[in-house]
Amino acid sequence: MTSKILEKAQATHKLTKAEIVKLLSLKETSALFETANQVRREFVGDGVYLRGLIEFSNYCKNNCLYCGIRAGNSHVKRYRLTPQEIVQTAQKASSYGYKTIVLQSGEDGWFDTDTLCDIVRQIKNLDVAITLSIGEKTHEEYAAYRQAGADRYLLRIETTDKTLYEKLDPGLSWENRVRCLYDLKELGYEVGSGSLVGLPGQSIESLADDLLFFQKLPVDMAGIGPFIPHPQTPLADQSADGHFELALKMMAVMRLLLPDINIPATTAMETLHPQGRLLALQAGANVVMPNATDTQYRSFYELYPGKICLGDNAEKCRHCIEGKIQSIGRHIAPGKGFHGDYKKENV
């Protein structure tokens, strides 16, 4: 039965919800991961795109139950880079060879639209692609960032289970989250979303719904991260057992359903497994997002505990990940890595 589902997925890239549930429930996963790896090789090649991640503020107005930088966590040492520091960090990242800069923060109201647009315009002068990951905004704000030069936007849905979403994200609306994603699509962004896997109350069926949602949108990028409980959140007593394996299966099925999108091997994977990112790259992923943030701030952007590479500077992270990628027979992909670039370059 499993082999037939995998054959269907490889041939059509369409599966029913029941078939997705079957794959996510597998105990023996080698065939799933190998099929996802074959599809990855066929549709996006052996190159791995690097994105330089700048975590520029850990202030956040929201109080999501799973997040270490939630507004209610009084133990966090808050920081906020100045616009000049953000641009200078991007300049350094560009000098290390990054062709995409990812600007990520909590939902920090200090950065108004004009300030963010000015930052985007300055970084755009470096001839890089710009990804924003700064949360829920209005259509007008998204349009302004786009006009200033932002290319991509990452906004994880976390879960398509509306009841669970609103329980874990108090004060937020699931409908508004979805509205944001469709606004971004309409404005011409490359849209990234994704799921948090292993949330308390989350079912395999709802994870299957997540994958079908991403296929319907459709996303240009999807990040799948395992839920890792943070000790200073209401979910501190939850377990992370099995979350790595389930996240890896989610990522592999994502590759089968959306064969040519960009899928990052997330840093959280390596927090739970010492070879986490490499295993993800061998099960369908084709993007890595090394941290380009100044070392002095990294430990303060603690969405989850145990983040890797906190003491490594940006240049070291860049060279370290390249060595790891080469160790599995892959290489750093040239260019900015827009959705579909591999096919355009190889027609």
Protein backbone atom coordinates (compact mmCIF):
# COMPACT_ATOMS: atom_id res chain seq x y z
CA MET A 1 0.00 0.00 0.00
CA THR A 2 2.75 2.47 0.94
CA SER A 3 4.69 1.82 -2.25
CA LYS A 4 1.57 2.52 -4.34
CA ILE A 5 0.96 5.82 -2.53
CA LEU A 6 4.58 6.83 -3.11
CA GLU A 7 4.37 5.87 -6.79
CA LYS A 8 1.19 7.94 -7.15
CA ALA A 9 2.80 10.90 -5.37
CA GLN A 10 5.91 10.75 -7.54
CA ALA A 11 3.86 10.57 -10.72
CA THR A 12 1.04 13.03 -9.99
CA HIS A 13 2.04 15.07 -6.90
CA LYS A 14 -1.51 14.69 -5.70
CA LEU A 15 -2.66 12.69 -2.69
CA THR A 16 -5.89 12.37 -0.74
CA LYS A 17 -6.00 13.35 2.92
CA ALA A 18 -6.19 9.67 3.87
CA GLU A 19 -3.07 8.91 1.82
CA ILE A 20 -1.18 11.77 3.45
CA VAL A 21 -2.20 10.51 6.90
CA LYS A 22 -0.90 7.08 5.94
CA LEU A 23 2.52 8.51 5.00
CA LEU A 24 2.72 10.66 8.13
CA SER A 25 1.93 7.59 10.23
CA LEU A 26 4.70 5.43 8.79
CA LYS A 27 7.04 3.72 11.23
CA GLU A 28 9.49 2.67 8.48
CA THR A 29 10.36 5.86 6.66
CA SER A 30 13.32 5.04 4.41
CA ALA A 31 11.19 4.66 1.23
CA LEU A 32 9.38 7.95 1.92
CA PHE A 33 12.61 9.86 2.43
CA GLU A 34 14.29 8.30 -0.60
CA THR A 35 11.31 9.13 -2.83
CA ALA A 36 11.25 12.72 -1.56
CA ASN A 37 14.99 12.96 -2.21
CA GLN A 38 14.51 11.70 -5.78
CA VAL A 39 11.75 14.25 -6.40
CA ARG A 40 13.94 17.00 -4.93
CA ARG A 41 16.82 16.04 -7.20
CA GLU A 42 14.59 15.98 -10.30
CA PHE A 43 12.78 19.28 -9.65
CA VAL A 44 15.28 21.53 -7.83
CA GLY A 45 18.62 19.79 -8.34
CA ASP A 46 21.51 19.17 -5.95
CA GLY A 47 22.20 22.82 -5.17
CA VAL A 48 21.39 24.18 -1.71
CA TYR A 49 20.39 27.84 -1.47
CA LEU A 50 21.71 29.80 1.49
CA ARG A 51 19.71 32.59 3.11
CA GLY A 52 21.45 34.90 5.58
CA LEU A 53 19.13 35.33 8.58
CA ILE A 54 19.13 38.60 10.54
CA GLU A 55 17.04 38.48 13.73
CA PHE A 56 16.75 42.22 14.26
CA SER A 57 14.32 42.53 17.19
CA ASN A 58 12.92 40.20 19.85
CA TYR A 59 10.19 42.58 20.97
CA CYS A 60 6.77 41.10 20.24
CA LYS A 61 3.26 42.28 21.04
CA ASN A 62 1.82 38.77 20.80
CA ASN A 63 1.54 36.14 23.52
CA CYS A 64 1.66 32.85 21.63
CA LEU A 65 1.80 30.02 24.16
CA TYR A 66 4.66 28.16 22.45
CA CYS A 67 7.04 31.07 21.79
CA GLY A 68 10.00 32.07 23.94
CA ILE A 69 9.83 35.76 22.97
CA ARG A 70 6.12 36.08 23.78
CA ALA A 71 5.13 39.40 25.32
CA GLY A 72 4.39 37.73 28.65
CA ASN A 73 7.88 36.30 29.11
CA SER A 74 9.50 38.78 31.51
CA HIS A 75 12.78 36.81 31.59
CA VAL A 76 13.73 37.75 28.03
CA LYS A 77 16.47 40.33 27.57
CA ARG A 78 14.91 42.47 24.86
CA TYR A 79 16.94 44.02 22.07
CA ARG A 80 16.29 45.95 18.90
CA LEU A 81 18.87 46.69 16.22
CA THR A 82 18.89 50.21 14.84
CA PRO A 83 18.10 50.60 11.13
CA GLN A 84 21.78 51.37 10.56
CA GLU A 85 22.85 48.19 12.38
CA ILE A 86 20.42 46.12 10.31
CA VAL A 87 21.81 47.49 7.05
CA GLN A 88 25.41 47.02 8.24
CA THR A 89 24.65 43.41 9.20
CA ALA A 90 23.15 42.83 5.77
CA GLN A 91 26.27 44.31 4.15
CA LYS A 92 28.43 41.84 6.07
CA ALA A 93 26.16 38.95 5.11
CA SER A 94 26.34 39.96 1.47
CA SER A 95 30.15 40.04 1.68
CA TYR A 96 30.07 36.40 2.86
CA GLY A 97 28.26 35.44 -0.34
CA TYR A 98 24.62 35.41 0.71
CA LYS A 99 22.31 36.24 -2.20
CA THR A 100 19.20 36.41 -0.02
CA ILE A 101 18.84 38.33 3.24
CA VAL A 102 16.04 37.30 5.61
CA LEU A 103 14.88 40.03 8.03
CA GLN A 104 13.06 38.42 10.95
CA SER A 105 11.64 39.84 14.17
CA GLY A 106 8.83 39.61 16.65
CA GLU A 107 5.83 41.78 15.89
CA ASP A 108 7.57 44.96 16.98
CA GLY A 109 5.59 48.16 16.42
CA TRP A 110 8.68 50.36 16.79
CA PHE A 111 9.49 49.66 13.12
CA ASP A 112 6.85 51.62 11.29
CA THR A 113 6.22 51.28 7.57
CA ASP A 114 8.49 54.12 6.49
CA THR A 115 11.38 52.84 8.62
CA LEU A 116 11.08 49.30 7.29
CA CYS A 117 10.76 50.47 3.69
CA ASP A 118 13.91 52.58 4.06
CA ILE A 119 15.80 49.57 5.44
CA VAL A 120 14.56 47.39 2.55
CA ARG A 121 15.59 49.98 -0.04
CA GLN A 122 19.10 50.28 1.39
CA ILE A 123 19.61 46.51 1.53
CA LYS A 124 18.21 46.13 -1.98
CA ASN A 125 21.20 48.20 -3.21
CA LEU A 126 23.38 45.19 -2.31
CA ASP A 127 21.83 43.23 -5.23
CA VAL A 128 20.27 40.62 -2.97
CA ALA A 129 16.80 39.15 -2.65
CA ILE A 130 14.99 40.22 0.52
CA THR A 131 12.70 38.04 2.59
CA LEU A 132 10.64 39.61 5.38
CA SER A 133 9.39 37.60 8.34
CA ILE A 134 7.76 40.18 10.60
CA GLY A 135 4.24 38.92 11.14
CA GLU A 136 0.72 40.05 10.39
CA LYS A 137 0.35 43.43 8.66
CA THR A 138 -2.28 45.26 6.64
CA HIS A 139 -2.58 44.95 2.87
CA GLU A 140 -1.27 48.52 2.58
CA GLU A 141 1.83 47.75 4.66
CA TYR A 142 2.60 44.63 2.63
CA ALA A 143 2.17 46.66 -0.57
CA ALA A 144 4.60 49.31 0.68
CA TYR A 145 7.29 46.74 1.55
CA ARG A 146 6.83 45.15 -1.85
CA GLN A 147 7.20 48.47 -3.63
CA ALA A 148 10.34 49.19 -1.59
CA GLY A 149 11.92 46.00 -2.93
CA ALA A 150 10.95 43.07 -0.69
CA ASP A 151 10.77 39.86 -2.74
CA ARG A 152 9.57 37.19 -0.34
CA TYR A 153 7.52 37.03 2.81
CA LEU A 154 7.54 34.23 5.36
CA LEU A 155 4.43 33.85 7.53
CA ARG A 156 3.93 30.43 9.04
CA ILE A 157 0.32 29.41 9.56
CA GLU A 158 1.65 27.07 12.33
CA THR A 159 -1.58 25.05 12.17
CA THR A 160 -4.67 25.09 9.96
CA ASP A 161 -6.75 23.79 12.87
CA LYS A 162 -8.62 27.03 13.66
CA THR A 163 -9.60 26.00 17.19
CA LEU A 164 -6.07 24.95 18.07
CA TYR A 165 -4.57 28.05 16.43
CA GLU A 166 -6.71 30.45 18.43
CA LYS A 167 -6.13 28.51 21.65
CA LEU A 168 -2.34 28.68 21.24
CA ASP A 169 -2.29 32.24 19.81
CA PRO A 170 -4.58 34.21 22.14
CA GLY A 171 -5.82 37.46 20.68
CA LEU A 172 -5.00 36.42 17.12
CA SER A 173 -7.49 35.45 14.43
CA TRP A 174 -6.95 32.41 12.21
CA GLU A 175 -8.96 34.12 9.46
CA ASN A 176 -6.68 37.15 9.58
CA ARG A 177 -3.61 34.91 9.30
CA VAL A 178 -5.06 33.36 6.16
CA ARG A 179 -6.02 36.81 4.85
CA CYS A 180 -2.40 37.90 5.20
CA LEU A 181 -1.17 34.96 3.14
CA TYR A 182 -3.62 35.65 0.32
CA ASP A 183 -2.80 39.38 0.39
CA LEU A 184 0.89 38.54 0.02
CA LYS A 185 0.14 36.22 -2.89
CA GLU A 186 -1.95 38.87 -4.61
CA LEU A 187 0.82 41.46 -4.22
CA GLY A 188 3.31 39.28 -6.04
CA TYR A 189 5.49 38.12 -3.19
CA GLU A 190 7.04 34.70 -3.15
CA VAL A 191 5.04 33.41 -0.21
CA GLY A 192 6.47 31.17 2.47
CA SER A 193 4.45 29.51 5.19
CA GLY A 194 4.79 26.39 7.29
CA SER A 195 3.76 24.33 10.28
CA LEU A 196 4.88 23.78 13.83
CA VAL A 197 4.83 20.02 14.28
CA GLY A 198 4.07 18.36 17.62
CA LEU A 199 1.88 21.03 19.21
CA PRO A 200 -0.25 19.75 22.11
CA GLY A 201 -3.68 18.87 20.75
CA GLN A 202 -2.48 18.61 17.16
CA SER A 203 -3.55 15.53 15.19
CA ILE A 204 -2.03 13.75 12.22
CA GLU A 205 -5.22 14.61 10.35
CA SER A 206 -4.73 18.34 10.98
CA LEU A 207 -1.13 18.08 9.76
CA ALA A 208 -2.47 16.52 6.56
CA ASP A 209 -4.85 19.50 6.27
CA ASP A 210 -1.84 21.81 6.62
CA LEU A 211 -0.14 20.17 3.64
CA LEU A 212 -3.27 20.38 1.51
CA PHE A 213 -3.64 24.06 2.47
CA PHE A 214 -0.08 24.79 1.33
CA GLN A 215 -0.74 22.99 -1.94
CA LYS A 216 -3.96 24.92 -2.52
CA LEU A 217 -2.49 28.38 -1.87
CA PRO A 218 0.08 27.40 -3.31
CA VAL A 219 3.16 28.38 -1.33
CA ASP A 220 6.55 29.07 -2.91
CA MET A 221 8.38 28.01 0.23
CA ALA A 222 7.39 26.01 3.31
CA GLY A 223 9.26 25.64 6.58
CA ILE A 224 8.42 22.69 8.77
CA GLY A 225 9.69 22.99 12.34
CA PRO A 226 9.40 20.65 15.32
CA PHE A 227 7.74 22.08 18.42
CA ILE A 228 10.35 22.42 21.17
CA PRO A 229 8.86 23.47 24.54
CA HIS A 230 10.35 26.62 26.03
CA PRO A 231 10.77 26.61 29.83
CA GLN A 232 9.36 30.14 30.23
CA THR A 233 6.08 29.53 28.43
CA PRO A 234 2.76 27.95 29.44
CA LEU A 235 3.74 24.82 27.45
CA ALA A 236 6.96 24.27 29.40
CA ASP A 237 5.93 20.83 30.65
CA GLN A 238 5.23 19.41 27.19
CA SER A 239 7.52 16.81 25.60
CA ALA A 240 9.41 17.05 22.30
CA ASP A 241 9.59 13.26 21.90
CA GLY A 242 8.95 12.17 18.32
CA HIS A 243 8.67 15.72 16.98
CA PHE A 244 11.85 15.53 14.91
CA GLU A 245 10.77 12.36 13.12
CA LEU A 246 7.26 13.66 12.46
CA ALA A 247 8.59 17.01 11.17
CA LEU A 248 10.93 15.14 8.82
CA LYS A 249 7.99 13.11 7.47
CA MET A 250 5.95 16.32 7.01
CA MET A 251 8.80 17.89 5.07
CA ALA A 252 9.21 14.83 2.84
CA VAL A 253 5.49 14.67 2.01
CA MET A 254 5.60 18.41 1.30
CA ARG A 255 8.27 17.75 -1.33
CA LEU A 256 6.05 15.10 -2.95
CA LEU A 257 3.04 17.43 -3.11
CA LEU A 258 4.90 20.62 -4.11
CA PRO A 259 7.92 19.26 -5.98
CA ASP A 260 9.57 22.50 -7.11
CA ILE A 261 9.17 24.79 -4.09
CA ASN A 262 11.95 25.85 -1.73
CA ILE A 263 12.01 23.86 1.51
CA PRO A 264 14.44 24.84 4.27
CA ALA A 265 16.24 22.42 6.53
CA THR A 266 15.30 24.33 9.68
CA THR A 267 17.72 25.07 12.49
CA ALA A 268 15.27 23.62 15.03
CA MET A 269 15.78 20.22 13.37
CA GLU A 270 19.43 20.32 14.46
CA THR A 271 18.49 21.29 18.00
CA LEU A 272 16.72 17.93 18.33
CA HIS A 273 19.20 15.86 16.29
CA PRO A 274 22.94 16.52 15.80
CA GLN A 275 22.62 15.80 12.06
CA GLY A 276 19.15 17.32 11.76
CA ARG A 277 19.75 19.70 8.88
CA LEU A 278 21.70 17.16 6.85
CA LEU A 279 18.98 14.55 7.33
CA ALA A 280 16.43 17.13 6.20
CA LEU A 281 18.49 17.89 3.09
CA GLN A 282 18.49 14.16 2.32
CA ALA A 283 14.71 13.95 2.72
CA GLY A 284 13.62 16.74 0.39
CA ALA A 285 15.00 20.08 1.64
CA ASN A 286 17.05 22.42 -0.57
CA VAL A 287 17.52 25.59 1.53
CA VAL A 288 19.50 26.42 4.68
CA MET A 289 19.23 29.68 6.62
CA PRO A 290 22.46 30.25 8.57
CA ASN A 291 22.33 32.95 11.22
CA ALA A 292 23.97 36.22 10.17
CA THR A 293 22.93 38.10 13.34
CA ASP A 294 25.71 39.58 15.48
CA THR A 295 26.77 36.96 18.05
CA GLN A 296 26.00 39.22 21.04
CA TYR A 297 22.26 39.15 20.23
CA ARG A 298 21.72 35.56 19.15
CA SER A 299 20.98 34.05 22.54
CA PHE A 300 18.24 36.65 23.15
CA TYR A 301 16.22 35.59 20.09
CA GLU A 302 15.16 32.39 21.79
CA LEU A 303 11.94 31.16 20.22
CA TYR A 304 12.80 27.72 21.62
CA PRO A 305 15.61 26.50 23.91
CA GLY A 306 18.85 24.91 22.74
CA LYS A 307 19.41 26.91 19.55
CA ILE A 308 22.61 25.90 17.80
CA CYS A 309 25.60 28.06 16.80
CA LEU A 310 24.96 30.80 19.38
CA GLY A 311 28.68 31.44 19.84
CA ASP A 312 29.70 31.27 16.19
CA ASN A 313 30.14 34.44 14.18
CA ALA A 314 28.35 34.87 10.86
CA GLU A 315 31.42 34.16 8.75
CA LYS A 316 32.12 30.91 10.61
CA CYS A 317 28.48 29.81 10.22
CA ARG A 318 28.70 30.45 6.48
CA HIS A 319 31.81 28.29 6.00
CA CYS A 320 30.68 25.60 8.45
CA ILE A 321 27.41 24.94 6.66
CA GLU A 322 29.13 24.83 3.28
CA GLY A 323 31.40 22.07 4.55
CA LYS A 324 28.43 20.11 5.89
CA ILE A 325 26.55 20.45 2.61
CA GLN A 326 29.57 19.23 0.63
CA SER A 327 29.93 16.26 3.01
CA ILE A 328 26.69 14.78 1.63
CA GLY A 329 27.60 15.35 -2.01
CA ARG A 330 25.64 18.57 -2.46
CA HIS A 331 26.85 22.08 -3.31
CA ILE A 332 25.93 25.71 -2.69
CA ALA A 333 23.55 26.82 -5.43
CA PRO A 334 24.38 30.05 -7.23
CA GLY A 335 21.94 32.93 -7.53
CA LYS A 336 19.05 34.12 -5.40
CA GLY A 337 17.04 30.92 -5.61
CA PHE A 338 13.61 32.12 -6.59
CA HIS A 339 10.87 29.53 -7.00
CA GLY A 340 11.39 27.84 -10.35
CA ASP A 341 14.95 29.12 -10.90
CA TYR A 342 16.36 25.62 -11.25
CA LYS A 343 14.01 24.75 -14.12
CA LYS A 344 14.67 28.10 -15.81
CA GLU A 345 18.41 27.47 -15.66
CA ASN A 346 18.13 23.87 -16.84
CA VAL A 347 15.63 23.98 -19.69
